[in-house]
Amino acid sequence: MTGFDWAALLRAGLRGAGLTPEAFWRLTPVELMLMLGVEAGAGPLTRGRLADLVAAFPDEGKG
């Protein structure tokens, strides 16, 4: 996994959506996705989906 493209997200939020920096950083990821038109196609959080998320976003260096 390479992480978030923060520059692209900031451009989309500040230029595309016309948000102030303060408003951008107060958004939750879900709010930002909705504003940018990203559909929540993953469906409900099932055991399999949770396992996929844990694999994609491990808690590295914790515990």
C-alpha atoms as a PDB file:
ATOM      1  CA  MET A   1       0.000   0.000   0.000  1.00  0.00           C
ATOM      2  CA  THR A   2       1.365   3.424  -0.905  1.00  0.00           C
ATOM      3  CA  GLY A   3      -0.855   5.661   1.261  1.00  0.00           C
ATOM      4  CA  PHE A   4      -3.012   8.650   0.450  1.00  0.00           C
ATOM      5  CA  ASP A   5      -2.278  11.119  -2.332  1.00  0.00           C
ATOM      6  CA  TRP A   6      -2.679  14.128  -0.033  1.00  0.00           C
ATOM      7  CA  ALA A   7      -1.797  16.651  -2.733  1.00  0.00           C
ATOM      8  CA  ALA A   8      -4.595  15.363  -4.970  1.00  0.00           C
ATOM      9  CA  LEU A   9      -7.067  15.267  -2.076  1.00  0.00           C
ATOM     10  CA  LEU A  10      -6.186  18.823  -1.068  1.00  0.00           C
ATOM     11  CA  ARG A  11      -6.562  20.036  -4.656  1.00  0.00           C
ATOM     12  CA  ALA A  12      -9.949  18.344  -4.930  1.00  0.00           C
ATOM     13  CA  GLY A  13     -11.121  19.751  -1.604  1.00  0.00           C
ATOM     14  CA  LEU A  14      -9.718  23.261  -1.848  1.00  0.00           C
ATOM     15  CA  ARG A  15      -9.967  23.965  -5.567  1.00  0.00           C
ATOM     16  CA  GLY A  16     -12.661  21.556  -6.667  1.00  0.00           C
ATOM     17  CA  ALA A  17     -15.044  21.793  -3.724  1.00  0.00           C
ATOM     18  CA  GLY A  18     -14.062  25.321  -2.694  1.00  0.00           C
ATOM     19  CA  LEU A  19     -13.366  24.369   0.920  1.00  0.00           C
ATOM     20  CA  THR A  20     -11.168  26.372   3.242  1.00  0.00           C
ATOM     21  CA  PRO A  21      -8.186  24.474   4.670  1.00  0.00           C
ATOM     22  CA  GLU A  22      -9.871  24.421   8.082  1.00  0.00           C
ATOM     23  CA  ALA A  23     -13.084  22.960   6.630  1.00  0.00           C
ATOM     24  CA  PHE A  24     -11.110  20.379   4.639  1.00  0.00           C
ATOM     25  CA  TRP A  25      -9.233  19.084   7.697  1.00  0.00           C
ATOM     26  CA  ARG A  26     -12.438  18.890   9.751  1.00  0.00           C
ATOM     27  CA  LEU A  27     -14.061  16.483   7.272  1.00  0.00           C
ATOM     28  CA  THR A  28     -14.210  12.798   7.993  1.00  0.00           C
ATOM     29  CA  PRO A  29     -12.958  10.508   5.213  1.00  0.00           C
ATOM     30  CA  VAL A  30     -16.566   9.476   4.500  1.00  0.00           C
ATOM     31  CA  GLU A  31     -17.680  13.105   4.166  1.00  0.00           C
ATOM     32  CA  LEU A  32     -14.806  13.855   1.798  1.00  0.00           C
ATOM     33  CA  MET A  33     -15.575  10.794  -0.314  1.00  0.00           C
ATOM     34  CA  LEU A  34     -19.228  11.804  -0.582  1.00  0.00           C
ATOM     35  CA  MET A  35     -18.304  15.366  -1.552  1.00  0.00           C
ATOM     36  CA  LEU A  36     -15.957  14.063  -4.248  1.00  0.00           C
ATOM     37  CA  GLY A  37     -18.623  11.729  -5.633  1.00  0.00           C
ATOM     38  CA  VAL A  38     -17.040   8.459  -4.545  1.00  0.00           C
ATOM     39  CA  GLU A  39     -19.784   5.907  -4.086  1.00  0.00           C
ATOM     40  CA  ALA A  40     -19.695   3.582  -1.100  1.00  0.00           C
ATOM     41  CA  GLY A  41     -19.827   0.382  -3.107  1.00  0.00           C
ATOM     42  CA  ALA A  42     -18.160  -1.831  -0.520  1.00  0.00           C
ATOM     43  CA  GLY A  43     -21.457  -2.688   1.160  1.00  0.00           C
ATOM     44  CA  PRO A  44     -21.887  -3.651   4.805  1.00  0.00           C
ATOM     45  CA  LEU A  45     -18.921  -4.462   6.996  1.00  0.00           C
ATOM     46  CA  THR A  46     -18.805  -8.250   7.015  1.00  0.00           C
ATOM     47  CA  ARG A  47     -16.112 -10.467   8.540  1.00  0.00           C
ATOM     48  CA  GLY A  48     -14.522 -10.831   5.121  1.00  0.00           C
ATOM     49  CA  ARG A  49     -14.543  -7.075   4.496  1.00  0.00           C
ATOM     50  CA  LEU A  50     -13.075  -6.463   7.963  1.00  0.00           C
ATOM     51  CA  ALA A  51     -10.310  -8.983   7.237  1.00  0.00           C
ATOM     52  CA  ASP A  52      -9.591  -7.147   3.962  1.00  0.00           C
ATOM     53  CA  LEU A  53      -9.360  -3.820   5.807  1.00  0.00           C
ATOM     54  CA  VAL A  54      -7.088  -5.252   8.507  1.00  0.00           C
ATOM     55  CA  ALA A  55      -4.805  -6.639   5.807  1.00  0.00           C
ATOM     56  CA  ALA A  56      -4.801  -3.345   3.886  1.00  0.00           C
ATOM     57  CA  PHE A  57      -4.269  -1.126   6.954  1.00  0.00           C
ATOM     58  CA  PRO A  58      -2.214  -3.065   9.524  1.00  0.00           C
ATOM     59  CA  ASP A  59      -1.377  -1.531  12.902  1.00  0.00           C
ATOM     60  CA  GLU A  60       2.355  -1.457  12.222  1.00  0.00           C
ATOM     61  CA  GLY A  61       4.569  -0.787  15.184  1.00  0.00           C
ATOM     62  CA  LYS A  62       1.732  -0.852  17.720  1.00  0.00           C
ATOM     63  CA  GLY A  63       1.789  -3.334  20.550  1.00  0.00           C
END
